[in-house]
Amino acid sequence: MMPGKKRIRLFIDAHCFDQEYQGSRTFLEGIYRSLIRNPDIHFFFGVSGVQQLSRIFGEADNITYLEYRSRSGPVRLAWEIPRMISRHGIDVAHFQYILPLIRNCRQIATIHDVIFREDPRSFSRGYRLLKNFLYKRSAHMADHITTVSAHSKQSIIDHLGVDSEKITVVPNAVDRRFFADYDLPAAREFIREKFGIGKFILCVSRFEPRKNQLLLVEACLRLGLFQQGYHLVLPGHTSLETPELDRLLERLDPATRKLIFIDSHISNEDLLQFYRAAEVFVYPSQAEGFGIPPLEAAAACVPVICSDRSAMKDFTFFGAGHLDPLVPGLLDARLGEVLAAGRDPGELRSIANIVKKKYDWDISAGIFQTLISNHSTVNNDQFSKVRGKQERLETELPVGEAVFTPGDR
C-alpha cells in the first residue's frame, strides 16, 4: 500500500462457505483469491467456519475473519452483519442475493440469476414468492448489482425492474488447476481403484428438476450404454426434490442401478480426477445463470455435450456438442457419436484454450475491484446517524463477536 493511502475496508458475507458447494461459493472463492493480493483493500470475511475459510484465503495483514455467532440467516441479516459493519467502519459490503435489514454502508449485491422467474414450473409457488420479494428488495436497495452473464443481466432487468446502468457483468471463470496437464491412464486407474468405476459418463450438478439428470439417465437407457458397461456418475447434492428421477431410479433392475453412481460428498481432489477420466461430460440443464461445470470439463480437455439454453447459449465453442437437450433425439445422437469417436486431443486443446482466455478470475476480479474503488470513494456520512443509533443499542444489548486476524491461530 502506498504511504498515506487509506485502505478500503470491504466486508464480504461469506456464509455460503458454511453450506453445500454451489455457484455463489465458486464465485466468491475465485474473485477473492485474486483480489486479496491487493494491499489497498482490507478484507473482512463474515463466516461461521473461520478455520475452513482461513485455509482457503490464508492469513495476511489485510485479512480479518469475523465469526458469526448464529447460523440463522434472519439473525445474521437483522443484527450480526449490520453490527459488524458499524463496529469495523466498513466502507463497502458485498452480499450474495440478499441484503441485511439495516443499510449502514455502501452495498454491492451479486445476483447470479433469477431462474425461478425464467423457469417457474421447476419451483414451488411459495419459493417463487419469497425469492421474488427478497431479490427485488436487494436489487433496488443495493448501490450496485453484479451478475455473472449477459443473460442474467437481461433477466434481472426484465424480472426485477432494474436499470441496465446499475448492473455490471462479472463473469464466472475456471480455476487454473483444471487446465493442468495430466496422465489420462493414471486418472482412470485412480477412479477404478478408489471407486470401482471403469468407463463412465459424467454430469456434475446439483439435483433439481431443471438440471435434467432425468433426461441423461433416459438417454443412457435408450442407447443401451449400461449394457455396454458404462457407468453414469452424478456428483451433487439435492437442492430441490426430483420425484420423476427418483421414480425412474427405483424402477431400474439392481444391476443397472448399480451402474449409476450418485454421491454428494466427493472431495475436490477426487472430483478433478473424475473430470479427467470421463469419456464424455454431459450438461443437459434447461436453465442456468451461467454454467461452470461444462467449462471445467472443457478446461480438462474432456469431450463436452452442453445445453445451448439460457446463459449457456454463449458457449458456442462446443460446436456440435452445443445443442438443445429438449429436442427429441439430439442428445442421444450426439452422445452416441462422441462415445464412438473418442477424444480428439487437438480439438479439445483448442476448446480449452478458448475457455482459458475468455474465463479468467484475474480479469473478473479486476472488474470487481473497479466497482469497489468507485463505491468506496462515495462519502459515507449519510450512514453516520444509522451507525450512531446502532452503537447506542449495542451498549444496551451487548453481543459478543469473535475476530480472527493473523497470529490468532
Protein backbone atom coordinates (compact mmCIF):
# COMPACT_ATOMS: atom_id res chain seq x y z
CA MET A 1 0.00 0.00 0.00
CA MET A 2 1.26 3.48 -0.86
CA PRO A 3 2.30 5.61 2.16
CA GLY A 4 -0.51 7.77 3.47
CA LYS A 5 -3.17 5.98 1.41
CA LYS A 6 -6.24 4.82 3.32
CA ARG A 7 -7.19 1.20 2.85
CA ILE A 8 -10.69 0.46 1.59
CA ARG A 9 -12.50 -1.56 4.27
CA LEU A 10 -14.52 -4.24 2.47
CA PHE A 11 -16.93 -6.62 4.22
CA ILE A 12 -17.80 -9.92 2.50
CA ASP A 13 -20.73 -12.01 3.66
CA ALA A 14 -19.18 -15.46 3.15
CA HIS A 15 -21.86 -17.58 4.82
CA CYS A 16 -22.12 -19.72 1.65
CA PHE A 17 -18.83 -21.35 2.71
CA ASP A 18 -20.74 -22.81 5.66
CA GLN A 19 -23.14 -24.60 3.28
CA GLU A 20 -23.03 -27.14 0.45
CA TYR A 21 -20.87 -26.31 -2.56
CA GLN A 22 -22.64 -24.13 -5.14
CA GLY A 23 -22.04 -21.44 -7.74
CA SER A 24 -22.01 -18.50 -5.31
CA ARG A 25 -19.18 -20.10 -3.35
CA THR A 26 -17.19 -20.75 -6.53
CA PHE A 27 -17.68 -17.09 -7.47
CA LEU A 28 -16.51 -15.72 -4.12
CA GLU A 29 -13.54 -18.06 -3.95
CA GLY A 30 -12.41 -17.20 -7.47
CA ILE A 31 -12.85 -13.44 -7.11
CA TYR A 32 -11.25 -13.07 -3.69
CA ARG A 33 -8.33 -15.46 -4.24
CA SER A 34 -7.29 -12.91 -6.84
CA LEU A 35 -8.36 -9.73 -5.03
CA ILE A 36 -6.68 -10.42 -1.67
CA ARG A 37 -3.33 -9.74 -3.31
CA ASN A 38 -4.33 -6.06 -3.38
CA PRO A 39 -2.79 -4.38 -0.28
CA ASP A 40 -5.02 -1.31 -0.72
CA ILE A 41 -8.09 -3.25 0.46
CA HIS A 42 -8.69 -4.66 3.94
CA PHE A 43 -10.95 -7.70 3.64
CA PHE A 44 -13.39 -8.56 6.45
CA PHE A 45 -14.90 -12.01 5.85
CA GLY A 46 -18.05 -12.87 7.82
CA VAL A 47 -18.42 -16.64 8.24
CA SER A 48 -19.20 -19.33 10.81
CA GLY A 49 -16.43 -21.72 9.74
CA VAL A 50 -13.46 -19.41 10.26
CA GLN A 51 -10.85 -22.18 10.22
CA GLN A 52 -12.09 -23.52 6.89
CA LEU A 53 -12.13 -20.08 5.28
CA SER A 54 -8.64 -19.24 6.53
CA ARG A 55 -7.35 -22.38 4.82
CA ILE A 56 -8.76 -21.07 1.54
CA PHE A 57 -7.66 -17.43 1.70
CA GLY A 58 -4.75 -17.70 4.11
CA GLU A 59 -3.59 -15.08 6.57
CA ALA A 60 -2.30 -11.59 5.84
CA ASP A 61 -2.32 -8.17 7.48
CA ASN A 62 -5.17 -7.11 5.16
CA ILE A 63 -7.48 -10.04 6.05
CA THR A 64 -9.74 -10.28 9.11
CA TYR A 65 -12.16 -13.14 9.75
CA LEU A 66 -15.31 -12.28 11.70
CA GLU A 67 -17.14 -15.25 13.17
CA TYR A 68 -20.94 -15.36 13.02
CA ARG A 69 -22.49 -16.43 16.29
CA SER A 70 -25.68 -17.62 14.61
CA ARG A 71 -26.27 -19.88 11.62
CA SER A 72 -29.71 -18.32 11.21
CA GLY A 73 -29.96 -16.16 8.10
CA PRO A 74 -32.53 -13.75 9.58
CA VAL A 75 -30.43 -13.23 12.71
CA ARG A 76 -27.31 -12.50 10.66
CA LEU A 77 -29.14 -10.10 8.36
CA ALA A 78 -31.12 -8.32 11.07
CA TRP A 79 -28.42 -7.96 13.69
CA GLU A 80 -24.99 -9.53 13.34
CA ILE A 81 -23.93 -8.17 9.96
CA PRO A 82 -25.08 -4.54 10.49
CA ARG A 83 -23.31 -4.61 13.85
CA MET A 84 -20.07 -5.88 12.29
CA ILE A 85 -20.23 -3.23 9.56
CA SER A 86 -20.72 -0.49 12.14
CA ARG A 87 -18.06 -1.73 14.55
CA HIS A 88 -15.35 -2.10 11.90
CA GLY A 89 -16.03 1.07 9.94
CA ILE A 90 -16.76 -0.76 6.70
CA ASP A 91 -16.77 1.32 3.51
CA VAL A 92 -18.35 -1.21 1.14
CA ALA A 93 -20.12 -4.52 1.80
CA HIS A 94 -20.58 -7.36 -0.69
CA PHE A 95 -23.53 -9.78 -0.47
CA GLN A 96 -24.87 -12.70 -2.46
CA TYR A 97 -28.54 -12.24 -3.40
CA ILE A 98 -29.92 -10.90 -0.10
CA LEU A 99 -29.05 -7.68 1.77
CA PRO A 100 -29.31 -7.07 5.53
CA LEU A 101 -32.26 -5.23 7.04
CA ILE A 102 -30.17 -2.19 8.03
CA ARG A 103 -28.21 -0.34 5.36
CA ASN A 104 -25.27 1.31 7.11
CA CYS A 105 -22.64 1.40 4.34
CA ARG A 106 -22.39 1.22 0.57
CA GLN A 107 -23.62 -2.16 -0.71
CA ILE A 108 -22.88 -4.35 -3.73
CA ALA A 109 -25.22 -7.29 -4.34
CA THR A 110 -24.32 -10.20 -6.59
CA ILE A 111 -27.48 -11.77 -8.03
CA HIS A 112 -26.33 -14.77 -10.02
CA ASP A 113 -29.66 -15.49 -11.66
CA VAL A 114 -33.44 -15.28 -11.35
CA ILE A 115 -34.09 -18.78 -12.70
CA PHE A 116 -37.22 -19.09 -10.55
CA ARG A 117 -38.77 -16.41 -12.78
CA GLU A 118 -37.44 -17.86 -16.04
CA ASP A 119 -38.46 -21.44 -15.28
CA PRO A 120 -41.33 -21.17 -12.74
CA ARG A 121 -42.54 -24.74 -13.25
CA SER A 122 -39.40 -26.06 -11.53
CA PHE A 123 -40.13 -24.21 -8.27
CA SER A 124 -42.99 -24.15 -5.78
CA ARG A 125 -45.22 -21.08 -5.55
CA GLY A 126 -44.00 -20.32 -2.02
CA TYR A 127 -40.36 -20.48 -3.12
CA ARG A 128 -41.05 -18.14 -6.05
CA LEU A 129 -42.91 -15.58 -3.93
CA LEU A 130 -40.24 -15.46 -1.23
CA LYS A 131 -37.30 -15.24 -3.63
CA ASN A 132 -39.03 -12.64 -5.77
CA PHE A 133 -39.61 -10.42 -2.72
CA LEU A 134 -36.07 -10.80 -1.37
CA TYR A 135 -34.27 -10.42 -4.69
CA LYS A 136 -36.33 -7.43 -5.77
CA ARG A 137 -35.67 -5.75 -2.43
CA SER A 138 -31.93 -6.34 -2.79
CA ALA A 139 -31.89 -5.18 -6.40
CA HIS A 140 -33.47 -1.84 -5.52
CA MET A 141 -31.62 -1.25 -2.22
CA ALA A 142 -28.11 -2.06 -3.45
CA ASP A 143 -25.87 0.71 -4.69
CA HIS A 144 -24.77 -1.61 -7.47
CA ILE A 145 -25.53 -5.11 -8.72
CA THR A 146 -23.20 -7.62 -10.30
CA THR A 147 -24.21 -10.75 -12.13
CA VAL A 148 -22.31 -13.47 -13.95
CA SER A 149 -23.59 -13.37 -17.54
CA ALA A 150 -25.24 -11.11 -20.11
CA HIS A 151 -28.24 -13.44 -20.00
CA SER A 152 -28.64 -12.99 -16.23
CA LYS A 153 -28.24 -9.23 -16.57
CA GLN A 154 -31.11 -9.02 -19.04
CA SER A 155 -33.21 -11.34 -16.89
CA ILE A 156 -32.66 -9.12 -13.82
CA ILE A 157 -33.68 -6.08 -15.86
CA ASP A 158 -36.81 -7.82 -17.15
CA HIS A 159 -37.98 -9.51 -13.95
CA LEU A 160 -36.72 -7.26 -11.14
CA GLY A 161 -37.18 -3.89 -12.86
CA VAL A 162 -33.60 -2.62 -12.52
CA ASP A 163 -31.92 -0.12 -14.83
CA SER A 164 -29.17 -1.51 -17.03
CA GLU A 165 -26.64 1.07 -15.76
CA LYS A 166 -26.90 -0.33 -12.25
CA ILE A 167 -25.74 -3.82 -13.29
CA THR A 168 -22.22 -4.96 -14.18
CA VAL A 169 -21.40 -8.39 -15.57
CA VAL A 170 -18.56 -10.01 -13.62
CA PRO A 171 -18.25 -13.44 -15.26
CA ASN A 172 -17.52 -16.68 -13.51
CA ALA A 173 -14.26 -18.31 -14.54
CA VAL A 174 -12.39 -21.60 -14.26
CA ASP A 175 -9.77 -22.45 -11.66
CA ARG A 176 -6.32 -22.94 -13.17
CA ARG A 177 -5.94 -26.45 -11.75
CA PHE A 178 -8.40 -27.72 -14.36
CA PHE A 179 -6.02 -26.64 -17.15
CA ALA A 180 -3.04 -28.57 -15.75
CA ASP A 181 -1.53 -31.38 -17.81
CA TYR A 182 -2.24 -34.89 -16.56
CA ASP A 183 -1.80 -38.56 -17.34
CA LEU A 184 -5.14 -39.90 -18.66
CA PRO A 185 -4.44 -43.61 -17.93
CA ALA A 186 -3.34 -42.70 -14.40
CA ALA A 187 -6.54 -40.68 -13.79
CA ARG A 188 -8.68 -43.57 -15.00
CA GLU A 189 -6.76 -46.06 -12.89
CA PHE A 190 -7.25 -43.82 -9.83
CA ILE A 191 -11.05 -43.82 -10.33
CA ARG A 192 -11.08 -47.57 -10.96
CA GLU A 193 -9.05 -48.32 -7.85
CA LYS A 194 -10.85 -45.95 -5.46
CA PHE A 195 -14.44 -46.13 -6.72
CA GLY A 196 -14.62 -49.35 -8.73
CA ILE A 197 -15.75 -47.44 -11.83
CA GLY A 198 -14.44 -48.17 -15.32
CA LYS A 199 -15.58 -46.19 -18.35
CA PHE A 200 -18.20 -43.57 -17.47
CA ILE A 201 -20.27 -40.55 -18.50
CA LEU A 202 -20.05 -37.59 -16.10
CA CYS A 203 -22.53 -34.87 -15.14
CA VAL A 204 -21.57 -32.57 -12.24
CA SER A 205 -24.57 -30.67 -10.94
CA ARG A 206 -26.95 -30.12 -8.06
CA PHE A 207 -30.14 -32.14 -8.23
CA GLU A 208 -33.09 -30.01 -9.31
CA PRO A 209 -35.75 -30.71 -11.96
CA ARG A 210 -34.29 -28.09 -14.31
CA LYS A 211 -30.85 -29.72 -14.19
CA ASN A 212 -32.28 -32.62 -16.24
CA GLN A 213 -30.31 -35.56 -14.88
CA LEU A 214 -33.52 -37.47 -15.68
CA LEU A 215 -33.02 -36.76 -19.39
CA LEU A 216 -29.46 -38.07 -19.27
CA VAL A 217 -30.42 -41.30 -17.49
CA GLU A 218 -33.15 -41.87 -20.09
CA ALA A 219 -30.67 -41.27 -22.93
CA CYS A 220 -28.25 -43.81 -21.46
CA LEU A 221 -31.06 -46.33 -21.21
CA ARG A 222 -32.22 -45.77 -24.80
CA LEU A 223 -28.65 -46.13 -26.12
CA GLY A 224 -28.07 -49.30 -24.11
CA LEU A 225 -24.96 -47.83 -22.52
CA PHE A 226 -25.35 -49.67 -19.23
CA GLN A 227 -25.43 -52.99 -21.09
CA GLN A 228 -22.16 -51.89 -22.76
CA GLY A 229 -20.53 -51.48 -19.35
CA TYR A 230 -20.70 -47.71 -18.99
CA HIS A 231 -21.27 -46.10 -15.61
CA LEU A 232 -23.14 -42.81 -15.18
CA VAL A 233 -21.52 -40.62 -12.50
CA LEU A 234 -23.69 -37.87 -10.97
CA PRO A 235 -21.86 -35.96 -8.22
CA GLY A 236 -24.02 -33.35 -6.50
CA HIS A 237 -26.32 -32.64 -3.58
CA THR A 238 -30.10 -32.32 -3.72
CA SER A 239 -31.32 -28.71 -3.72
CA LEU A 240 -34.89 -29.44 -4.83
CA GLU A 241 -36.78 -32.72 -4.97
CA THR A 242 -36.64 -34.63 -8.27
CA PRO A 243 -39.58 -37.06 -7.99
CA GLU A 244 -39.55 -38.19 -11.64
CA LEU A 245 -35.87 -39.08 -11.49
CA ASP A 246 -36.36 -40.85 -8.15
CA ARG A 247 -39.20 -42.95 -9.55
CA LEU A 248 -37.13 -43.94 -12.59
CA LEU A 249 -34.17 -44.99 -10.45
CA GLU A 250 -36.46 -47.07 -8.24
CA ARG A 251 -37.82 -48.95 -11.27
CA LEU A 252 -34.39 -49.96 -12.58
CA ASP A 253 -33.19 -53.51 -12.12
CA PRO A 254 -30.43 -53.83 -9.46
CA ALA A 255 -27.66 -54.49 -11.98
CA THR A 256 -28.43 -51.31 -13.93
CA ARG A 257 -28.99 -49.18 -10.82
CA LYS A 258 -25.56 -50.22 -9.57
CA LEU A 259 -24.01 -48.55 -12.61
CA ILE A 260 -25.44 -45.13 -11.68
CA PHE A 261 -23.13 -43.53 -9.13
CA ILE A 262 -24.61 -40.67 -7.08
CA ASP A 263 -22.54 -39.02 -4.34
CA SER A 264 -22.86 -35.62 -2.68
CA HIS A 265 -19.59 -35.81 -0.71
CA ILE A 266 -16.84 -36.18 -3.29
CA SER A 267 -13.73 -34.18 -2.41
CA ASN A 268 -12.41 -31.52 -4.79
CA GLU A 269 -9.32 -33.65 -5.46
CA ASP A 270 -11.38 -36.72 -6.37
CA LEU A 271 -13.79 -34.63 -8.44
CA LEU A 272 -10.89 -33.33 -10.52
CA GLN A 273 -9.88 -36.92 -11.25
CA PHE A 274 -13.47 -37.73 -12.27
CA TYR A 275 -13.39 -34.83 -14.72
CA ARG A 276 -10.13 -36.02 -16.24
CA ALA A 277 -11.09 -39.68 -16.50
CA ALA A 278 -14.56 -39.22 -18.04
CA GLU A 279 -15.32 -40.50 -21.54
CA VAL A 280 -17.63 -37.51 -22.00
CA PHE A 281 -19.12 -34.75 -19.86
CA VAL A 282 -22.84 -34.02 -20.38
CA TYR A 283 -24.65 -30.93 -19.08
CA PRO A 284 -28.32 -31.10 -20.13
CA SER A 285 -29.64 -28.27 -17.91
CA GLN A 286 -32.55 -26.29 -19.29
CA ALA A 287 -31.82 -23.07 -17.37
CA GLU A 288 -28.65 -21.59 -15.84
CA GLY A 289 -27.46 -18.18 -14.77
CA PHE A 290 -24.01 -19.20 -16.02
CA GLY A 291 -22.98 -22.89 -16.05
CA ILE A 292 -19.45 -23.51 -14.71
CA PRO A 293 -19.15 -27.36 -14.84
CA PRO A 294 -19.03 -27.74 -18.66
CA LEU A 295 -16.25 -25.13 -18.76
CA GLU A 296 -14.30 -27.04 -16.10
CA ALA A 297 -14.65 -30.21 -18.16
CA ALA A 298 -13.52 -28.36 -21.30
CA ALA A 299 -10.50 -26.99 -19.42
CA ALA A 300 -9.55 -30.57 -18.58
CA CYS A 301 -9.71 -31.46 -22.30
CA VAL A 302 -12.74 -33.72 -21.94
CA PRO A 303 -15.38 -34.01 -24.71
CA VAL A 304 -18.42 -31.92 -23.68
CA ILE A 305 -22.09 -32.02 -24.63
CA CYS A 306 -23.69 -28.85 -23.26
CA SER A 307 -27.16 -27.33 -23.40
CA ASP A 308 -27.48 -24.19 -25.51
CA ARG A 309 -30.34 -22.77 -23.44
CA SER A 310 -30.36 -19.59 -21.26
CA ALA A 311 -26.86 -18.33 -20.30
CA MET A 312 -25.22 -21.38 -21.87
CA LYS A 313 -26.06 -20.06 -25.35
CA ASP A 314 -22.71 -18.20 -25.11
CA PHE A 315 -20.76 -21.49 -25.15
CA THR A 316 -20.72 -21.75 -28.95
CA PHE A 317 -17.12 -23.06 -28.91
CA PHE A 318 -18.55 -26.51 -28.09
CA GLY A 319 -19.56 -26.79 -31.73
CA ALA A 320 -21.63 -29.89 -32.45
CA GLY A 321 -21.75 -30.59 -28.71
CA HIS A 322 -23.71 -27.39 -28.15
CA LEU A 323 -27.36 -28.37 -28.50
CA ASP A 324 -30.88 -28.12 -27.14
CA PRO A 325 -31.29 -31.24 -24.98
CA LEU A 326 -35.08 -30.91 -25.03
CA VAL A 327 -35.27 -31.52 -28.79
CA PRO A 328 -36.09 -35.25 -29.11
CA GLY A 329 -33.20 -37.34 -30.36
CA LEU A 330 -30.46 -34.67 -30.32
CA LEU A 331 -28.83 -35.65 -27.03
CA ASP A 332 -28.99 -39.38 -27.84
CA ALA A 333 -27.43 -38.90 -31.27
CA ARG A 334 -24.58 -36.68 -30.08
CA LEU A 335 -23.81 -38.86 -27.06
CA GLY A 336 -23.55 -41.92 -29.30
CA GLU A 337 -21.27 -40.06 -31.74
CA VAL A 338 -18.89 -38.81 -29.04
CA LEU A 339 -18.55 -42.23 -27.41
CA ALA A 340 -17.87 -43.84 -30.77
CA ALA A 341 -15.30 -41.22 -31.83
CA GLY A 342 -13.35 -40.93 -28.56
CA ARG A 343 -11.09 -37.98 -27.75
CA ASP A 344 -9.57 -35.68 -30.35
CA PRO A 345 -6.67 -34.10 -28.40
CA GLY A 346 -6.12 -31.27 -30.85
CA GLU A 347 -9.76 -30.17 -30.92
CA LEU A 348 -10.11 -30.48 -27.15
CA ARG A 349 -6.96 -28.45 -26.52
CA SER A 350 -8.26 -25.74 -28.84
CA ILE A 351 -11.53 -25.50 -26.87
CA ALA A 352 -9.59 -25.45 -23.57
CA ASN A 353 -7.50 -22.53 -24.82
CA ILE A 354 -10.65 -20.57 -25.71
CA VAL A 355 -12.07 -21.17 -22.23
CA LYS A 356 -8.77 -20.18 -20.59
CA LYS A 357 -8.63 -16.91 -22.50
CA LYS A 358 -12.29 -15.98 -22.05
CA TYR A 359 -12.99 -17.01 -18.46
CA ASP A 360 -10.16 -15.86 -16.18
CA TRP A 361 -10.60 -14.99 -12.48
CA ASP A 362 -7.99 -12.23 -12.62
CA ILE A 363 -9.97 -10.46 -15.34
CA SER A 364 -13.22 -10.79 -13.40
CA ALA A 365 -11.52 -9.66 -10.18
CA GLY A 366 -10.24 -6.58 -11.98
CA ILE A 367 -13.77 -5.62 -13.00
CA PHE A 368 -14.98 -6.13 -9.45
CA GLN A 369 -12.08 -4.16 -7.95
CA THR A 370 -13.04 -1.15 -10.07
CA LEU A 371 -16.57 -1.31 -8.66
CA ILE A 372 -15.27 -1.46 -5.09
CA SER A 373 -12.97 1.51 -5.66
CA ASN A 374 -15.73 3.57 -7.26
CA HIS A 375 -18.19 2.94 -4.43
CA SER A 376 -15.67 3.36 -1.63
CA THR A 377 -14.97 6.95 -2.73
CA VAL A 378 -18.59 7.93 -2.10
CA ASN A 379 -18.91 9.80 1.19
CA ASN A 380 -20.42 7.52 3.84
CA ASP A 381 -21.59 10.37 6.11
CA GLN A 382 -25.16 9.51 5.15
CA PHE A 383 -24.79 6.35 7.25
CA SER A 384 -23.38 8.04 10.39
CA LYS A 385 -26.78 8.52 12.05
CA VAL A 386 -27.69 4.89 11.44
CA ARG A 387 -24.39 3.75 12.93
CA GLY A 388 -24.81 6.06 15.91
CA LYS A 389 -28.22 4.62 16.76
CA GLN A 390 -26.88 1.11 16.32
CA GLU A 391 -23.91 1.74 18.61
CA ARG A 392 -26.22 3.05 21.34
CA LEU A 393 -28.38 -0.06 21.00
CA GLU A 394 -25.30 -2.29 21.23
CA THR A 395 -24.37 -0.59 24.51
CA GLU A 396 -27.74 -1.55 25.92
CA LEU A 397 -27.74 -5.10 24.47
CA PRO A 398 -24.12 -6.28 24.18
CA VAL A 399 -23.41 -9.30 21.97
CA GLY A 400 -20.00 -10.98 21.73
CA GLU A 401 -18.05 -11.11 18.49
CA ALA A 402 -15.08 -13.25 17.59
CA VAL A 403 -12.45 -11.54 15.44
CA PHE A 404 -9.60 -13.55 13.92
CA THR A 405 -6.56 -11.82 12.48
CA PRO A 406 -3.07 -13.17 11.65
CA GLY A 407 -1.42 -14.68 14.71
CA ASP A 408 -4.70 -15.63 16.43
CA ARG A 409 -4.35 -19.28 15.42
